[in-house]
Amino acid sequence: MADPPNSSGFISTPVSGAVAGVFARTDIERGVWKAAAGTGAVVNGTAGLAHDLKDLQISQLNQSAINCIRTLPGAGTVVWGTRTRASASDQASEWKYIPVHRLALFIEESISRGTRWATYEPNGQTLWDRIRSETDNFLYRLFLRGAFQGRTPQEAYFVKCDAETVTQNDIDNGTVNIIIGFAPLRPSEFVVMRVSQKAGQDPTG
């Protein structure tokens, strides 16, 4: 990058801040489900790379779950890779790709925050129906924005919150369980996760 104290010189800098910037830009423009990699993941403000990797080197590093930065003609300096460290030890891991893991974290945290109102509601069918409806609405909006695979909502995601996911023991312990599954954009089976929330609490207790 340009070296501010030396208007005619350049300085090599770590890549972490630049990659974080590419992630932030991609999140704003497309969403957390879009990989911050490829020809659109341009690292702005750079003059080039200190080490320009070849295709074979990049392929070998990707297999070891190391994501690279490379220079492409017509695109410039771009992020090239979207693996998590999980893929280094388990190629079949559902958390093999960064955008899949980030989307799951985003959904989990959004639903956890969005259902806090349930804490002092009676833990029964009426509550489960409302949680299911609100969660479905949230996931449907993500579906419309292109966050999932599938031509229809039924192919893209599902939500369960009923007598099967909330047992009598859960009710006794003041817990409601929401099971969510979604089809990530990367080829994969449904990713299934559980979000638990407090419910049926005594507001005077």
N, C-alpha and C. Protein backbone atom coordinates (compact mmCIF):
# COMPACT_ATOMS: atom_id res chain seq x y z
N MET A 1 0.84 -1.19 0.00
CA MET A 1 0.00 0.00 0.00
C MET A 1 0.88 1.23 0.00
N ALA A 2 0.29 2.35 -0.39
CA ALA A 2 1.06 3.60 -0.37
C ALA A 2 1.51 3.90 1.05
N ASP A 3 2.74 4.37 1.18
CA ASP A 3 3.32 4.71 2.47
C ASP A 3 3.12 6.21 2.70
N PRO A 4 2.20 6.63 3.59
CA PRO A 4 1.88 8.07 3.75
C PRO A 4 3.09 8.97 3.97
N PRO A 5 4.05 8.56 4.81
CA PRO A 5 5.20 9.47 5.00
C PRO A 5 6.08 9.60 3.77
N ASN A 6 5.97 8.65 2.86
CA ASN A 6 6.81 8.64 1.68
C ASN A 6 5.90 8.59 0.44
N SER A 7 5.60 9.71 -0.14
CA SER A 7 4.61 9.81 -1.21
C SER A 7 4.98 9.00 -2.45
N SER A 8 6.23 8.65 -2.59
CA SER A 8 6.65 7.90 -3.78
C SER A 8 6.93 6.43 -3.46
N GLY A 9 6.68 6.02 -2.21
CA GLY A 9 7.02 4.66 -1.82
C GLY A 9 5.82 3.85 -1.39
N PHE A 10 6.06 2.57 -1.13
CA PHE A 10 5.01 1.64 -0.71
C PHE A 10 5.47 0.88 0.52
N ILE A 11 4.51 0.32 1.23
CA ILE A 11 4.81 -0.44 2.43
C ILE A 11 3.95 -1.70 2.44
N SER A 12 4.54 -2.83 2.87
CA SER A 12 3.78 -4.07 2.99
C SER A 12 3.05 -4.07 4.33
N THR A 13 1.77 -4.44 4.31
CA THR A 13 0.96 -4.43 5.54
C THR A 13 0.27 -5.78 5.70
N PRO A 14 -0.09 -6.15 6.94
CA PRO A 14 -0.85 -7.39 7.15
C PRO A 14 -2.19 -7.32 6.42
N VAL A 15 -2.74 -8.49 6.10
CA VAL A 15 -3.95 -8.53 5.27
C VAL A 15 -5.25 -8.51 6.10
N SER A 16 -5.16 -8.71 7.41
CA SER A 16 -6.37 -8.92 8.21
C SER A 16 -7.37 -7.77 8.10
N GLY A 17 -6.89 -6.54 8.22
CA GLY A 17 -7.79 -5.39 8.16
C GLY A 17 -8.44 -5.25 6.81
N ALA A 18 -7.69 -5.52 5.75
CA ALA A 18 -8.23 -5.42 4.40
C ALA A 18 -9.31 -6.48 4.17
N VAL A 19 -9.06 -7.69 4.63
CA VAL A 19 -10.05 -8.77 4.46
C VAL A 19 -11.30 -8.47 5.28
N ALA A 20 -11.13 -7.94 6.48
CA ALA A 20 -12.29 -7.56 7.31
C ALA A 20 -13.13 -6.51 6.57
N GLY A 21 -12.47 -5.60 5.88
CA GLY A 21 -13.18 -4.60 5.10
C GLY A 21 -13.97 -5.21 3.95
N VAL A 22 -13.40 -6.23 3.29
CA VAL A 22 -14.11 -6.92 2.22
C VAL A 22 -15.35 -7.64 2.77
N PHE A 23 -15.21 -8.26 3.95
CA PHE A 23 -16.35 -8.91 4.59
C PHE A 23 -17.45 -7.89 4.90
N ALA A 24 -17.07 -6.76 5.47
CA ALA A 24 -18.05 -5.74 5.84
C ALA A 24 -18.78 -5.22 4.61
N ARG A 25 -18.04 -4.97 3.53
CA ARG A 25 -18.66 -4.47 2.30
C ARG A 25 -19.62 -5.50 1.70
N THR A 26 -19.21 -6.77 1.71
CA THR A 26 -20.06 -7.83 1.18
C THR A 26 -21.32 -7.99 2.01
N ASP A 27 -21.19 -7.90 3.34
CA ASP A 27 -22.37 -8.00 4.21
C ASP A 27 -23.39 -6.93 3.88
N ILE A 28 -22.91 -5.71 3.67
CA ILE A 28 -23.82 -4.60 3.39
C ILE A 28 -24.46 -4.74 2.01
N GLU A 29 -23.66 -5.10 1.03
CA GLU A 29 -24.15 -5.15 -0.35
C GLU A 29 -24.98 -6.39 -0.64
N ARG A 30 -24.62 -7.55 -0.04
CA ARG A 30 -25.28 -8.81 -0.40
C ARG A 30 -25.87 -9.53 0.80
N GLY A 31 -25.17 -9.56 1.95
CA GLY A 31 -25.63 -10.30 3.11
C GLY A 31 -24.56 -11.28 3.58
N VAL A 32 -24.70 -11.76 4.82
CA VAL A 32 -23.68 -12.64 5.41
C VAL A 32 -23.60 -13.99 4.70
N TRP A 33 -24.64 -14.36 3.93
CA TRP A 33 -24.64 -15.64 3.22
C TRP A 33 -23.81 -15.61 1.96
N LYS A 34 -23.40 -14.43 1.50
CA LYS A 34 -22.58 -14.31 0.29
C LYS A 34 -21.11 -14.43 0.67
N ALA A 35 -20.41 -15.31 -0.01
CA ALA A 35 -18.98 -15.47 0.26
C ALA A 35 -18.24 -14.19 -0.07
N ALA A 36 -17.41 -13.76 0.86
CA ALA A 36 -16.58 -12.57 0.63
C ALA A 36 -15.32 -13.01 -0.12
N ALA A 37 -15.53 -13.50 -1.32
CA ALA A 37 -14.43 -14.03 -2.14
C ALA A 37 -14.85 -14.00 -3.59
N GLY A 38 -13.86 -14.06 -4.47
CA GLY A 38 -14.15 -14.07 -5.90
C GLY A 38 -13.81 -12.74 -6.55
N THR A 39 -14.20 -12.59 -7.79
CA THR A 39 -13.81 -11.40 -8.55
C THR A 39 -14.44 -10.12 -8.00
N GLY A 40 -15.54 -10.25 -7.25
CA GLY A 40 -16.16 -9.06 -6.66
C GLY A 40 -15.57 -8.67 -5.33
N ALA A 41 -14.75 -9.55 -4.75
CA ALA A 41 -14.17 -9.30 -3.43
C ALA A 41 -12.83 -8.58 -3.57
N VAL A 42 -12.88 -7.40 -4.15
CA VAL A 42 -11.66 -6.65 -4.44
C VAL A 42 -11.14 -5.97 -3.18
N VAL A 43 -9.84 -6.09 -2.97
CA VAL A 43 -9.19 -5.40 -1.85
C VAL A 43 -8.78 -4.03 -2.37
N ASN A 44 -9.55 -3.02 -2.03
CA ASN A 44 -9.30 -1.67 -2.55
C ASN A 44 -8.09 -1.02 -1.87
N GLY A 45 -7.50 -0.09 -2.58
CA GLY A 45 -6.42 0.71 -2.00
C GLY A 45 -5.07 0.04 -1.99
N THR A 46 -4.92 -1.06 -2.72
CA THR A 46 -3.63 -1.75 -2.74
C THR A 46 -2.94 -1.54 -4.08
N ALA A 47 -1.61 -1.58 -4.03
CA ALA A 47 -0.82 -1.46 -5.25
C ALA A 47 -0.44 -2.83 -5.81
N GLY A 48 -0.67 -3.87 -5.01
CA GLY A 48 -0.29 -5.22 -5.46
C GLY A 48 0.02 -6.09 -4.26
N LEU A 49 0.60 -7.25 -4.53
CA LEU A 49 0.92 -8.21 -3.49
C LEU A 49 2.42 -8.38 -3.34
N ALA A 50 2.84 -8.61 -2.11
CA ALA A 50 4.26 -8.87 -1.88
C ALA A 50 4.65 -10.23 -2.46
N HIS A 51 3.70 -11.18 -2.44
CA HIS A 51 3.93 -12.52 -3.01
C HIS A 51 2.69 -12.90 -3.81
N ASP A 52 2.85 -13.08 -5.11
CA ASP A 52 1.73 -13.44 -5.97
C ASP A 52 1.74 -14.95 -6.18
N LEU A 53 0.72 -15.64 -5.67
CA LEU A 53 0.67 -17.09 -5.71
C LEU A 53 0.17 -17.60 -7.06
N LYS A 54 0.63 -18.79 -7.41
CA LYS A 54 0.19 -19.46 -8.64
C LYS A 54 -1.01 -20.34 -8.34
N ASP A 55 -1.71 -20.76 -9.41
CA ASP A 55 -2.93 -21.56 -9.25
C ASP A 55 -2.68 -22.82 -8.42
N LEU A 56 -1.60 -23.54 -8.69
CA LEU A 56 -1.32 -24.78 -7.96
C LEU A 56 -1.10 -24.51 -6.49
N GLN A 57 -0.37 -23.43 -6.17
CA GLN A 57 -0.15 -23.08 -4.77
C GLN A 57 -1.46 -22.75 -4.07
N ILE A 58 -2.31 -22.00 -4.73
CA ILE A 58 -3.60 -21.62 -4.15
C ILE A 58 -4.46 -22.86 -3.91
N SER A 59 -4.47 -23.78 -4.86
CA SER A 59 -5.25 -25.02 -4.72
C SER A 59 -4.76 -25.84 -3.54
N GLN A 60 -3.46 -25.95 -3.38
CA GLN A 60 -2.89 -26.72 -2.28
C GLN A 60 -3.21 -26.06 -0.93
N LEU A 61 -3.12 -24.75 -0.87
CA LEU A 61 -3.42 -24.04 0.36
C LEU A 61 -4.90 -24.13 0.72
N ASN A 62 -5.77 -24.05 -0.29
CA ASN A 62 -7.20 -24.18 -0.04
C ASN A 62 -7.53 -25.54 0.56
N GLN A 63 -6.87 -26.59 0.09
CA GLN A 63 -7.11 -27.92 0.63
C GLN A 63 -6.72 -28.02 2.10
N SER A 64 -5.83 -27.14 2.53
CA SER A 64 -5.43 -27.08 3.93
C SER A 64 -6.22 -26.02 4.70
N ALA A 65 -7.32 -25.56 4.10
CA ALA A 65 -8.20 -24.56 4.71
C ALA A 65 -7.51 -23.23 4.92
N ILE A 66 -6.63 -22.86 4.00
CA ILE A 66 -5.97 -21.56 4.02
C ILE A 66 -6.49 -20.76 2.83
N ASN A 67 -7.14 -19.65 3.11
CA ASN A 67 -7.69 -18.80 2.06
C ASN A 67 -6.64 -17.81 1.60
N CYS A 68 -6.62 -17.55 0.31
CA CYS A 68 -5.55 -16.74 -0.27
C CYS A 68 -6.06 -15.40 -0.80
N ILE A 69 -5.10 -14.53 -1.05
CA ILE A 69 -5.35 -13.30 -1.79
C ILE A 69 -4.50 -13.38 -3.05
N ARG A 70 -5.10 -13.02 -4.18
CA ARG A 70 -4.37 -13.13 -5.44
C ARG A 70 -4.69 -11.94 -6.34
N THR A 71 -3.93 -11.81 -7.39
CA THR A 71 -4.17 -10.77 -8.40
C THR A 71 -4.75 -11.43 -9.65
N LEU A 72 -5.88 -10.88 -10.12
CA LEU A 72 -6.52 -11.38 -11.33
C LEU A 72 -6.57 -10.27 -12.37
N PRO A 73 -6.20 -10.57 -13.61
CA PRO A 73 -6.29 -9.55 -14.67
C PRO A 73 -7.73 -9.06 -14.82
N GLY A 74 -7.89 -7.77 -14.86
CA GLY A 74 -9.20 -7.18 -15.03
C GLY A 74 -9.98 -7.01 -13.75
N ALA A 75 -9.54 -7.67 -12.66
CA ALA A 75 -10.24 -7.56 -11.37
C ALA A 75 -9.38 -6.86 -10.33
N GLY A 76 -8.09 -7.16 -10.34
CA GLY A 76 -7.19 -6.56 -9.36
C GLY A 76 -6.88 -7.54 -8.25
N THR A 77 -6.64 -7.03 -7.07
CA THR A 77 -6.31 -7.85 -5.91
C THR A 77 -7.61 -8.30 -5.24
N VAL A 78 -7.80 -9.61 -5.14
CA VAL A 78 -9.07 -10.14 -4.63
C VAL A 78 -8.83 -11.21 -3.58
N VAL A 79 -9.84 -11.40 -2.71
CA VAL A 79 -9.84 -12.53 -1.78
C VAL A 79 -10.27 -13.76 -2.55
N TRP A 80 -9.54 -14.87 -2.36
CA TRP A 80 -9.79 -16.06 -3.16
C TRP A 80 -9.82 -17.30 -2.24
N GLY A 81 -10.96 -17.55 -1.65
CA GLY A 81 -11.09 -18.71 -0.75
C GLY A 81 -12.11 -18.41 0.33
N THR A 82 -12.85 -19.43 0.73
CA THR A 82 -13.91 -19.22 1.71
C THR A 82 -14.04 -20.42 2.65
N ARG A 83 -12.91 -21.06 2.95
CA ARG A 83 -12.91 -22.23 3.82
C ARG A 83 -12.78 -21.82 5.29
N THR A 84 -13.37 -22.63 6.15
CA THR A 84 -13.13 -22.49 7.60
C THR A 84 -12.04 -23.49 7.99
N ARG A 85 -11.53 -23.35 9.19
CA ARG A 85 -10.51 -24.29 9.66
C ARG A 85 -11.09 -25.69 9.83
N ALA A 86 -12.43 -25.79 9.99
CA ALA A 86 -13.06 -27.10 10.16
C ALA A 86 -12.82 -27.99 8.94
N SER A 87 -12.69 -27.39 7.76
CA SER A 87 -12.54 -28.18 6.54
C SER A 87 -11.17 -28.84 6.45
N ALA A 88 -10.22 -28.36 7.23
CA ALA A 88 -8.87 -28.96 7.19
C ALA A 88 -8.89 -30.36 7.78
N SER A 89 -9.73 -30.59 8.79
CA SER A 89 -9.76 -31.89 9.46
C SER A 89 -10.98 -32.72 9.09
N ASP A 90 -12.02 -32.07 8.52
CA ASP A 90 -13.25 -32.78 8.21
C ASP A 90 -13.87 -32.18 6.95
N GLN A 91 -13.58 -32.81 5.81
CA GLN A 91 -14.08 -32.29 4.54
C GLN A 91 -15.61 -32.37 4.44
N ALA A 92 -16.22 -33.22 5.26
CA ALA A 92 -17.68 -33.38 5.23
C ALA A 92 -18.39 -32.46 6.22
N SER A 93 -17.64 -31.65 6.94
CA SER A 93 -18.24 -30.79 7.96
C SER A 93 -19.26 -29.82 7.34
N GLU A 94 -20.41 -29.65 8.01
CA GLU A 94 -21.39 -28.68 7.52
C GLU A 94 -20.89 -27.25 7.71
N TRP A 95 -19.82 -27.10 8.50
CA TRP A 95 -19.22 -25.78 8.72
C TRP A 95 -17.96 -25.61 7.88
N LYS A 96 -17.91 -26.26 6.76
CA LYS A 96 -16.75 -26.23 5.88
C LYS A 96 -16.52 -24.85 5.27
N TYR A 97 -17.62 -24.12 5.05
CA TYR A 97 -17.53 -22.82 4.37
C TYR A 97 -17.93 -21.67 5.29
N ILE A 98 -17.19 -20.59 5.21
CA ILE A 98 -17.40 -19.43 6.08
C ILE A 98 -18.82 -18.87 5.97
N PRO A 99 -19.38 -18.62 4.78
CA PRO A 99 -20.71 -18.02 4.73
C PRO A 99 -21.81 -18.90 5.32
N VAL A 100 -21.66 -20.22 5.25
CA VAL A 100 -22.65 -21.12 5.86
C VAL A 100 -22.62 -20.97 7.37
N HIS A 101 -21.42 -20.96 7.93
CA HIS A 101 -21.28 -20.82 9.38
C HIS A 101 -21.75 -19.45 9.85
N ARG A 102 -21.42 -18.42 9.10
CA ARG A 102 -21.83 -17.07 9.49
C ARG A 102 -23.35 -16.90 9.40
N LEU A 103 -23.96 -17.50 8.37
CA LEU A 103 -25.42 -17.42 8.24
C LEU A 103 -26.10 -18.12 9.40
N ALA A 104 -25.58 -19.29 9.80
CA ALA A 104 -26.16 -20.01 10.94
C ALA A 104 -26.05 -19.18 12.22
N LEU A 105 -24.90 -18.55 12.43
CA LEU A 105 -24.72 -17.71 13.62
C LEU A 105 -25.67 -16.51 13.58
N PHE A 106 -25.84 -15.92 12.39
CA PHE A 106 -26.74 -14.78 12.23
C PHE A 106 -28.18 -15.17 12.55
N ILE A 107 -28.62 -16.31 12.02
CA ILE A 107 -29.99 -16.78 12.28
C ILE A 107 -30.18 -17.08 13.76
N GLU A 108 -29.24 -17.80 14.34
CA GLU A 108 -29.35 -18.16 15.76
C GLU A 108 -29.45 -16.93 16.65
N GLU A 109 -28.58 -15.96 16.44
CA GLU A 109 -28.57 -14.77 17.27
C GLU A 109 -29.81 -13.92 17.03
N SER A 110 -30.25 -13.82 15.78
CA SER A 110 -31.43 -13.01 15.47
C SER A 110 -32.68 -13.59 16.12
N ILE A 111 -32.84 -14.91 16.05
CA ILE A 111 -34.01 -15.55 16.64
C ILE A 111 -33.94 -15.49 18.16
N SER A 112 -32.75 -15.68 18.71
CA SER A 112 -32.59 -15.59 20.16
C SER A 112 -33.00 -14.21 20.68
N ARG A 113 -32.55 -13.17 19.99
CA ARG A 113 -32.91 -11.81 20.40
C ARG A 113 -34.38 -11.50 20.12
N GLY A 114 -34.87 -12.01 18.99
CA GLY A 114 -36.22 -11.69 18.56
C GLY A 114 -37.31 -12.39 19.34
N THR A 115 -36.95 -13.39 20.15
CA THR A 115 -37.95 -14.12 20.93
C THR A 115 -37.80 -13.91 22.43
N ARG A 116 -37.05 -12.92 22.82
CA ARG A 116 -36.89 -12.66 24.26
C ARG A 116 -38.21 -12.28 24.92
N TRP A 117 -39.14 -11.78 24.13
CA TRP A 117 -40.45 -11.42 24.67
C TRP A 117 -41.17 -12.63 25.28
N ALA A 118 -40.72 -13.84 24.91
CA ALA A 118 -41.39 -15.06 25.37
C ALA A 118 -41.11 -15.40 26.83
N THR A 119 -40.16 -14.71 27.43
CA THR A 119 -39.71 -15.10 28.78
C THR A 119 -40.84 -15.21 29.78
N TYR A 120 -41.78 -14.29 29.77
CA TYR A 120 -42.85 -14.30 30.77
C TYR A 120 -44.21 -14.69 30.18
N GLU A 121 -44.18 -15.34 29.00
CA GLU A 121 -45.40 -15.85 28.39
C GLU A 121 -45.65 -17.29 28.83
N PRO A 122 -46.90 -17.70 28.97
CA PRO A 122 -47.20 -19.10 29.30
C PRO A 122 -46.61 -20.03 28.24
N ASN A 123 -45.94 -21.08 28.70
CA ASN A 123 -45.23 -21.97 27.79
C ASN A 123 -46.18 -23.05 27.29
N GLY A 124 -46.97 -22.69 26.26
CA GLY A 124 -47.94 -23.62 25.72
C GLY A 124 -48.18 -23.38 24.25
N GLN A 125 -49.25 -23.97 23.72
CA GLN A 125 -49.52 -23.97 22.28
C GLN A 125 -49.59 -22.57 21.68
N THR A 126 -50.23 -21.64 22.39
CA THR A 126 -50.35 -20.27 21.86
C THR A 126 -48.98 -19.64 21.66
N LEU A 127 -48.10 -19.83 22.63
CA LEU A 127 -46.74 -19.30 22.53
C LEU A 127 -46.00 -19.97 21.38
N TRP A 128 -46.08 -21.28 21.27
CA TRP A 128 -45.36 -22.01 20.23
C TRP A 128 -45.82 -21.56 18.85
N ASP A 129 -47.12 -21.37 18.69
CA ASP A 129 -47.64 -20.91 17.40
C ASP A 129 -47.08 -19.55 17.03
N ARG A 130 -47.02 -18.66 18.01
CA ARG A 130 -46.53 -17.30 17.73
C ARG A 130 -45.04 -17.31 17.41
N ILE A 131 -44.28 -18.08 18.17
CA ILE A 131 -42.84 -18.17 17.89
C ILE A 131 -42.60 -18.76 16.51
N ARG A 132 -43.34 -19.80 16.18
CA ARG A 132 -43.20 -20.43 14.87
C ARG A 132 -43.55 -19.45 13.75
N SER A 133 -44.62 -18.69 13.93
CA SER A 133 -45.04 -17.73 12.92
C SER A 133 -44.00 -16.63 12.73
N GLU A 134 -43.50 -16.06 13.83
CA GLU A 134 -42.54 -14.97 13.72
C GLU A 134 -41.20 -15.45 13.14
N THR A 135 -40.79 -16.66 13.53
CA THR A 135 -39.54 -17.21 13.00
C THR A 135 -39.68 -17.51 11.52
N ASP A 136 -40.83 -18.04 11.13
CA ASP A 136 -41.09 -18.31 9.71
C ASP A 136 -41.05 -17.01 8.90
N ASN A 137 -41.64 -15.95 9.42
CA ASN A 137 -41.62 -14.66 8.73
C ASN A 137 -40.20 -14.15 8.54
N PHE A 138 -39.38 -14.31 9.57
CA PHE A 138 -37.98 -13.87 9.50
C PHE A 138 -37.23 -14.66 8.43
N LEU A 139 -37.37 -15.98 8.44
CA LEU A 139 -36.68 -16.81 7.47
C LEU A 139 -37.22 -16.58 6.05
N TYR A 140 -38.50 -16.29 5.93
CA TYR A 140 -39.07 -16.01 4.61
C TYR A 140 -38.45 -14.75 4.00
N ARG A 141 -38.23 -13.74 4.85
CA ARG A 141 -37.58 -12.53 4.34
C ARG A 141 -36.16 -12.83 3.86
N LEU A 142 -35.45 -13.69 4.58
CA LEU A 142 -34.11 -14.10 4.13
C LEU A 142 -34.20 -14.88 2.81
N PHE A 143 -35.22 -15.73 2.70
CA PHE A 143 -35.43 -16.49 1.46
C PHE A 143 -35.62 -15.55 0.27
N LEU A 144 -36.43 -14.51 0.45
CA LEU A 144 -36.68 -13.55 -0.62
C LEU A 144 -35.41 -12.80 -1.02
N ARG A 145 -34.49 -12.66 -0.08
CA ARG A 145 -33.24 -11.96 -0.38
C ARG A 145 -32.18 -12.89 -0.96
N GLY A 146 -32.50 -14.17 -1.11
CA GLY A 146 -31.58 -15.10 -1.74
C GLY A 146 -30.61 -15.77 -0.80
N ALA A 147 -30.96 -15.90 0.49
CA ALA A 147 -30.03 -16.46 1.46
C ALA A 147 -29.95 -17.98 1.41
N PHE A 148 -30.97 -18.63 0.81
CA PHE A 148 -31.04 -20.10 0.83
C PHE A 148 -31.15 -20.67 -0.57
N GLN A 149 -30.86 -21.97 -0.67
CA GLN A 149 -31.20 -22.72 -1.86
C GLN A 149 -32.69 -23.04 -1.83
N GLY A 150 -33.22 -23.41 -2.98
CA GLY A 150 -34.61 -23.84 -3.04
C GLY A 150 -35.48 -22.88 -3.82
N ARG A 151 -36.41 -23.43 -4.57
CA ARG A 151 -37.31 -22.60 -5.39
C ARG A 151 -38.49 -22.10 -4.59
N THR A 152 -38.81 -22.80 -3.50
CA THR A 152 -39.94 -22.42 -2.65
C THR A 152 -39.47 -22.37 -1.20
N PRO A 153 -40.21 -21.69 -0.33
CA PRO A 153 -39.84 -21.68 1.10
C PRO A 153 -39.75 -23.08 1.68
N GLN A 154 -40.62 -24.00 1.22
CA GLN A 154 -40.61 -25.36 1.73
C GLN A 154 -39.30 -26.08 1.41
N GLU A 155 -38.71 -25.73 0.28
CA GLU A 155 -37.42 -26.32 -0.11
C GLU A 155 -36.25 -25.63 0.56
N ALA A 156 -36.47 -24.43 1.08
CA ALA A 156 -35.38 -23.59 1.57
C ALA A 156 -35.16 -23.68 3.08
N TYR A 157 -36.24 -23.86 3.85
CA TYR A 157 -36.09 -23.86 5.31
C TYR A 157 -37.30 -24.49 5.97
N PHE A 158 -37.15 -24.79 7.27
CA PHE A 158 -38.30 -25.22 8.06
C PHE A 158 -38.14 -24.74 9.49
N VAL A 159 -39.26 -24.67 10.21
CA VAL A 159 -39.28 -24.26 11.61
C VAL A 159 -40.18 -25.22 12.37
N LYS A 160 -39.71 -25.69 13.52
CA LYS A 160 -40.54 -26.52 14.39
C LYS A 160 -40.51 -25.93 15.80
N CYS A 161 -41.68 -25.76 16.36
CA CYS A 161 -41.81 -25.35 17.76
C CYS A 161 -43.19 -25.84 18.19
N ASP A 162 -43.22 -27.00 18.81
CA ASP A 162 -44.49 -27.62 19.17
C ASP A 162 -44.26 -28.61 20.30
N ALA A 163 -45.23 -29.50 20.50
CA ALA A 163 -45.14 -30.45 21.61
C ALA A 163 -44.01 -31.46 21.42
N GLU A 164 -43.49 -31.59 20.19
CA GLU A 164 -42.36 -32.49 19.95
C GLU A 164 -41.04 -31.85 20.35
N THR A 165 -40.92 -30.54 20.15
CA THR A 165 -39.65 -29.87 20.48
C THR A 165 -39.63 -29.34 21.92
N VAL A 166 -40.82 -29.18 22.50
CA VAL A 166 -40.92 -28.69 23.88
C VAL A 166 -41.59 -29.78 24.72
N THR A 167 -40.81 -30.52 25.49
CA THR A 167 -41.34 -31.60 26.31
C THR A 167 -41.90 -31.06 27.63
N GLN A 168 -42.55 -31.93 28.35
CA GLN A 168 -43.06 -31.52 29.66
C GLN A 168 -41.91 -31.12 30.58
N ASN A 169 -40.78 -31.81 30.45
CA ASN A 169 -39.62 -31.45 31.26
C ASN A 169 -39.12 -30.04 30.90
N ASP A 170 -39.16 -29.69 29.61
CA ASP A 170 -38.78 -28.33 29.19
C ASP A 170 -39.73 -27.30 29.80
N ILE A 171 -41.03 -27.62 29.76
CA ILE A 171 -42.02 -26.70 30.33
C ILE A 171 -41.76 -26.51 31.82
N ASP A 172 -41.49 -27.61 32.51
CA ASP A 172 -41.23 -27.55 33.96
C ASP A 172 -39.99 -26.71 34.26
N ASN A 173 -39.03 -26.73 33.32
CA ASN A 173 -37.78 -25.99 33.53
C ASN A 173 -37.79 -24.62 32.87
N GLY A 174 -38.95 -24.21 32.34
CA GLY A 174 -39.07 -22.86 31.77
C GLY A 174 -38.28 -22.66 30.49
N THR A 175 -38.33 -23.65 29.59
CA THR A 175 -37.58 -23.56 28.34
C THR A 175 -38.48 -23.87 27.16
N VAL A 176 -38.33 -23.11 26.08
CA VAL A 176 -39.00 -23.42 24.82
C VAL A 176 -37.91 -23.63 23.76
N ASN A 177 -38.03 -24.69 22.98
CA ASN A 177 -37.02 -25.04 21.98
C ASN A 177 -37.57 -24.84 20.57
N ILE A 178 -36.77 -24.18 19.75
CA ILE A 178 -37.13 -23.91 18.36
C ILE A 178 -36.10 -24.64 17.49
N ILE A 179 -36.57 -25.52 16.62
CA ILE A 179 -35.69 -26.23 15.69
C ILE A 179 -35.80 -25.56 14.33
N ILE A 180 -34.66 -25.16 13.79
CA ILE A 180 -34.60 -24.49 12.50
C ILE A 180 -33.69 -25.28 11.57
N GLY A 181 -34.12 -25.45 10.34
CA GLY A 181 -33.27 -26.04 9.32
C GLY A 181 -33.26 -25.14 8.09
N PHE A 182 -32.13 -25.04 7.43
CA PHE A 182 -32.07 -24.23 6.21
C PHE A 182 -31.11 -24.86 5.21
N ALA A 183 -31.38 -24.62 3.95
CA ALA A 183 -30.54 -25.13 2.87
C ALA A 183 -29.56 -24.04 2.45
N PRO A 184 -28.30 -24.16 2.83
CA PRO A 184 -27.33 -23.10 2.46
C PRO A 184 -27.08 -23.06 0.97
N LEU A 185 -26.54 -21.95 0.51
CA LEU A 185 -26.27 -21.78 -0.91
C LEU A 185 -25.21 -22.75 -1.41
N ARG A 186 -24.25 -23.08 -0.56
CA ARG A 186 -23.28 -24.09 -0.92
C ARG A 186 -23.98 -25.45 -0.94
N PRO A 187 -23.69 -26.33 -1.90
CA PRO A 187 -24.32 -27.64 -1.92
C PRO A 187 -24.11 -28.38 -0.60
N SER A 188 -25.21 -28.76 0.02
CA SER A 188 -25.13 -29.37 1.34
C SER A 188 -26.50 -29.89 1.70
N GLU A 189 -26.54 -30.78 2.69
CA GLU A 189 -27.82 -31.15 3.28
C GLU A 189 -28.31 -29.95 4.09
N PHE A 190 -29.56 -30.07 4.58
CA PHE A 190 -30.07 -29.03 5.46
C PHE A 190 -29.17 -28.89 6.68
N VAL A 191 -28.87 -27.66 7.05
CA VAL A 191 -28.21 -27.40 8.33
C VAL A 191 -29.30 -27.24 9.37
N VAL A 192 -29.26 -28.03 10.42
CA VAL A 192 -30.30 -28.02 11.45
C VAL A 192 -29.69 -27.56 12.77
N MET A 193 -30.37 -26.68 13.46
CA MET A 193 -29.89 -26.19 14.74
C MET A 193 -31.07 -25.92 15.67
N ARG A 194 -30.75 -25.83 16.96
CA ARG A 194 -31.78 -25.59 17.96
C ARG A 194 -31.49 -24.29 18.69
N VAL A 195 -32.51 -23.48 18.85
CA VAL A 195 -32.43 -22.25 19.63
C VAL A 195 -33.35 -22.41 20.83
N SER A 196 -32.81 -22.24 22.02
CA SER A 196 -33.61 -22.36 23.24
C SER A 196 -33.82 -20.99 23.85
N GLN A 197 -35.00 -20.77 24.39
CA GLN A 197 -35.35 -19.50 24.99
C GLN A 197 -36.08 -19.76 26.30
N LYS A 198 -35.92 -18.87 27.27
CA LYS A 198 -36.69 -18.96 28.50
C LYS A 198 -38.15 -18.63 28.23
N ALA A 199 -39.06 -19.33 28.90
CA ALA A 199 -40.48 -19.08 28.73
C ALA A 199 -41.20 -19.55 29.97
N GLY A 200 -42.38 -18.99 30.20
CA GLY A 200 -43.18 -19.38 31.34
C GLY A 200 -42.59 -19.00 32.67
N GLN A 201 -41.74 -17.95 32.67
CA GLN A 201 -41.11 -17.52 33.92
C GLN A 201 -42.10 -16.70 34.75
N ASP A 202 -41.90 -16.72 36.04
CA ASP A 202 -42.74 -15.92 36.95
C ASP A 202 -42.14 -14.53 37.04
N PRO A 203 -42.81 -13.49 36.52
CA PRO A 203 -42.23 -12.13 36.55
C PRO A 203 -42.06 -11.58 37.96
N THR A 204 -42.69 -12.20 38.92
CA THR A 204 -42.57 -11.73 40.31
C THR A 204 -41.49 -12.50 41.05
N GLY A 205 -40.96 -13.54 40.40
CA GLY A 205 -40.01 -14.40 41.08
C GLY A 205 -38.60 -13.85 41.06
